[in-house]
């Protein structure tokens, strides 16, 4: 398992793009039986409208563009799982994450 701290995250969903206003985020890469899975844990999300939207939306697929603390740019497709009670989200990766 590899963990990377992320400095910023930008999401594109449909016709809008938004930079996340967050306290912190970390990318977790897991390699299992030759497959590489990834997800991003985001804490301290300050955008209530975004959390409300993804909490009830049926289409939660987003395009993610993130910058790691190291400066590396990462891009991939993910599913946004909102946790309104904790002002957090889990972004579950779907397929390859470019940049790692």
C-alpha atoms as a PDB file:
ATOM      1  CA  UNK A   1       0.000   0.000   0.000  1.00  0.00           C
ATOM      2  CA  UNK A   2       1.239   3.462  -0.923  1.00  0.00           C
ATOM      3  CA  UNK A   3      -0.139   6.712   0.493  1.00  0.00           C
ATOM      4  CA  UNK A   4       0.325  10.174  -1.017  1.00  0.00           C
ATOM      5  CA  UNK A   5      -0.792  13.486   0.466  1.00  0.00           C
ATOM      6  CA  UNK A   6      -2.663  15.661  -2.036  1.00  0.00           C
ATOM      7  CA  UNK A   7      -2.294  19.436  -2.197  1.00  0.00           C
ATOM      8  CA  UNK A   8      -5.331  20.064  -4.413  1.00  0.00           C
ATOM      9  CA  UNK A   9      -8.170  18.285  -6.189  1.00  0.00           C
ATOM     10  CA  UNK A  10     -10.270  19.470  -9.102  1.00  0.00           C
ATOM     11  CA  UNK A  11     -13.389  17.571 -10.156  1.00  0.00           C
ATOM     12  CA  UNK A  12     -15.282  17.657 -13.422  1.00  0.00           C
ATOM     13  CA  UNK A  13     -18.848  16.355 -13.484  1.00  0.00           C
ATOM     14  CA  UNK A  14     -21.082  16.935 -16.491  1.00  0.00           C
ATOM     15  CA  UNK A  15     -20.675  20.543 -17.568  1.00  0.00           C
ATOM     16  CA  UNK A  16     -18.976  21.925 -14.448  1.00  0.00           C
ATOM     17  CA  UNK A  17     -15.507  21.835 -12.922  1.00  0.00           C
ATOM     18  CA  UNK A  18     -14.819  22.657  -9.291  1.00  0.00           C
ATOM     19  CA  UNK A  19     -11.736  22.798  -7.086  1.00  0.00           C
ATOM     20  CA  UNK A  20     -12.397  21.167  -3.717  1.00  0.00           C
ATOM     21  CA  UNK A  21     -12.271  23.403  -0.643  1.00  0.00           C
ATOM     22  CA  UNK A  22     -10.888  20.886   1.869  1.00  0.00           C
ATOM     23  CA  UNK A  23      -8.653  20.488   4.886  1.00  0.00           C
ATOM     24  CA  UNK A  24      -6.746  17.453   3.595  1.00  0.00           C
ATOM     25  CA  UNK A  25      -6.788  14.552   1.180  1.00  0.00           C
ATOM     26  CA  UNK A  26      -4.757  11.419   0.701  1.00  0.00           C
ATOM     27  CA  UNK A  27      -4.457   9.043  -2.194  1.00  0.00           C
ATOM     28  CA  UNK A  28      -4.180   5.358  -1.311  1.00  0.00           C
ATOM     29  CA  UNK A  29      -2.840   2.870  -3.875  1.00  0.00           C
ATOM     30  CA  UNK A  30      -3.343  -0.819  -3.202  1.00  0.00           C
ATOM     31  CA  UNK A  31      -1.732  -3.538  -5.307  1.00  0.00           C
ATOM     32  CA  UNK A  32      -3.479  -6.906  -5.038  1.00  0.00           C
ATOM     33  CA  UNK A  33      -2.907  -9.980  -7.209  1.00  0.00           C
ATOM     34  CA  UNK A  34      -1.380  -7.854  -9.958  1.00  0.00           C
ATOM     35  CA  UNK A  35      -4.199  -5.291  -9.936  1.00  0.00           C
ATOM     36  CA  UNK A  36      -3.774  -1.733  -8.740  1.00  0.00           C
ATOM     37  CA  UNK A  37      -6.754  -0.160  -6.974  1.00  0.00           C
ATOM     38  CA  UNK A  38      -6.916   3.423  -5.785  1.00  0.00           C
ATOM     39  CA  UNK A  39      -9.070   5.747  -3.748  1.00  0.00           C
ATOM     40  CA  UNK A  40      -8.875   9.225  -2.255  1.00  0.00           C
ATOM     41  CA  UNK A  41     -10.041  10.122   1.252  1.00  0.00           C
ATOM     42  CA  UNK A  42     -11.011  13.788   1.585  1.00  0.00           C
ATOM     43  CA  UNK A  43     -11.603  15.412   4.986  1.00  0.00           C
ATOM     44  CA  UNK A  44     -12.856  18.822   6.008  1.00  0.00           C
ATOM     45  CA  UNK A  45     -14.960  19.509   2.891  1.00  0.00           C
ATOM     46  CA  UNK A  46     -16.413  23.000   3.257  1.00  0.00           C
ATOM     47  CA  UNK A  47     -18.717  22.901   0.216  1.00  0.00           C
ATOM     48  CA  UNK A  48     -22.125  21.884   1.605  1.00  0.00           C
ATOM     49  CA  UNK A  49     -23.806  22.193  -1.799  1.00  0.00           C
ATOM     50  CA  UNK A  50     -21.344  19.717  -3.306  1.00  0.00           C
ATOM     51  CA  UNK A  51     -21.862  17.239  -0.468  1.00  0.00           C
ATOM     52  CA  UNK A  52     -25.657  17.599  -0.739  1.00  0.00           C
ATOM     53  CA  UNK A  53     -25.558  17.067  -4.493  1.00  0.00           C
ATOM     54  CA  UNK A  54     -23.474  13.882  -4.431  1.00  0.00           C
ATOM     55  CA  UNK A  55     -25.307  12.545  -1.374  1.00  0.00           C
ATOM     56  CA  UNK A  56     -28.508  12.271  -3.424  1.00  0.00           C
ATOM     57  CA  UNK A  57     -27.240  12.080  -7.033  1.00  0.00           C
ATOM     58  CA  UNK A  58     -27.654   8.908  -9.070  1.00  0.00           C
ATOM     59  CA  UNK A  59     -24.676   9.808 -11.292  1.00  0.00           C
ATOM     60  CA  UNK A  60     -21.650  10.155  -9.014  1.00  0.00           C
ATOM     61  CA  UNK A  61     -18.917   9.610 -11.601  1.00  0.00           C
ATOM     62  CA  UNK A  62     -16.328  12.409 -11.771  1.00  0.00           C
ATOM     63  CA  UNK A  63     -13.104  13.145 -13.592  1.00  0.00           C
ATOM     64  CA  UNK A  64     -10.396  13.857 -11.045  1.00  0.00           C
ATOM     65  CA  UNK A  65      -7.305  15.976 -11.481  1.00  0.00           C
ATOM     66  CA  UNK A  66      -5.131  16.193  -8.386  1.00  0.00           C
ATOM     67  CA  UNK A  67      -1.747  17.587  -7.479  1.00  0.00           C
ATOM     68  CA  UNK A  68       0.279  15.643  -4.917  1.00  0.00           C
ATOM     69  CA  UNK A  69       2.384  17.405  -2.291  1.00  0.00           C
ATOM     70  CA  UNK A  70       5.397  16.250  -4.358  1.00  0.00           C
ATOM     71  CA  UNK A  71       4.088  18.251  -7.333  1.00  0.00           C
ATOM     72  CA  UNK A  72       3.024  15.232  -9.413  1.00  0.00           C
ATOM     73  CA  UNK A  73      -0.207  15.669 -11.397  1.00  0.00           C
ATOM     74  CA  UNK A  74      -2.641  12.745 -11.191  1.00  0.00           C
ATOM     75  CA  UNK A  75      -5.695  12.177 -13.386  1.00  0.00           C
ATOM     76  CA  UNK A  76      -8.407   9.542 -13.456  1.00  0.00           C
ATOM     77  CA  UNK A  77     -12.073   8.663 -13.222  1.00  0.00           C
ATOM     78  CA  UNK A  78     -13.669   8.101  -9.823  1.00  0.00           C
ATOM     79  CA  UNK A  79     -16.987   7.807  -8.007  1.00  0.00           C
ATOM     80  CA  UNK A  80     -17.772  10.464  -5.379  1.00  0.00           C
ATOM     81  CA  UNK A  81     -19.185   9.019  -2.156  1.00  0.00           C
ATOM     82  CA  UNK A  82     -20.266  11.910   0.080  1.00  0.00           C
ATOM     83  CA  UNK A  83     -20.273  11.672   3.873  1.00  0.00           C
ATOM     84  CA  UNK A  84     -22.292  14.732   4.918  1.00  0.00           C
ATOM     85  CA  UNK A  85     -22.160  13.980   8.648  1.00  0.00           C
ATOM     86  CA  UNK A  86     -18.346  14.082   8.684  1.00  0.00           C
ATOM     87  CA  UNK A  87     -17.880  16.735   5.950  1.00  0.00           C
ATOM     88  CA  UNK A  88     -15.850  14.180   4.046  1.00  0.00           C
ATOM     89  CA  UNK A  89     -15.845  12.094   0.894  1.00  0.00           C
ATOM     90  CA  UNK A  90     -14.323   8.960  -0.533  1.00  0.00           C
ATOM     91  CA  UNK A  91     -13.439   8.997  -4.210  1.00  0.00           C
ATOM     92  CA  UNK A  92     -13.245   5.400  -5.428  1.00  0.00           C
ATOM     93  CA  UNK A  93     -11.041   5.069  -8.471  1.00  0.00           C
ATOM     94  CA  UNK A  94     -12.318   3.475 -11.652  1.00  0.00           C
ATOM     95  CA  UNK A  95      -9.521   2.211 -13.851  1.00  0.00           C
ATOM     96  CA  UNK A  96      -6.077   3.651 -14.313  1.00  0.00           C
ATOM     97  CA  UNK A  97      -4.769   6.671 -12.450  1.00  0.00           C
ATOM     98  CA  UNK A  98      -2.373   8.552 -14.714  1.00  0.00           C
ATOM     99  CA  UNK A  99       0.686  10.139 -13.123  1.00  0.00           C
ATOM    100  CA  UNK A 100       1.662   7.473 -10.597  1.00  0.00           C
END
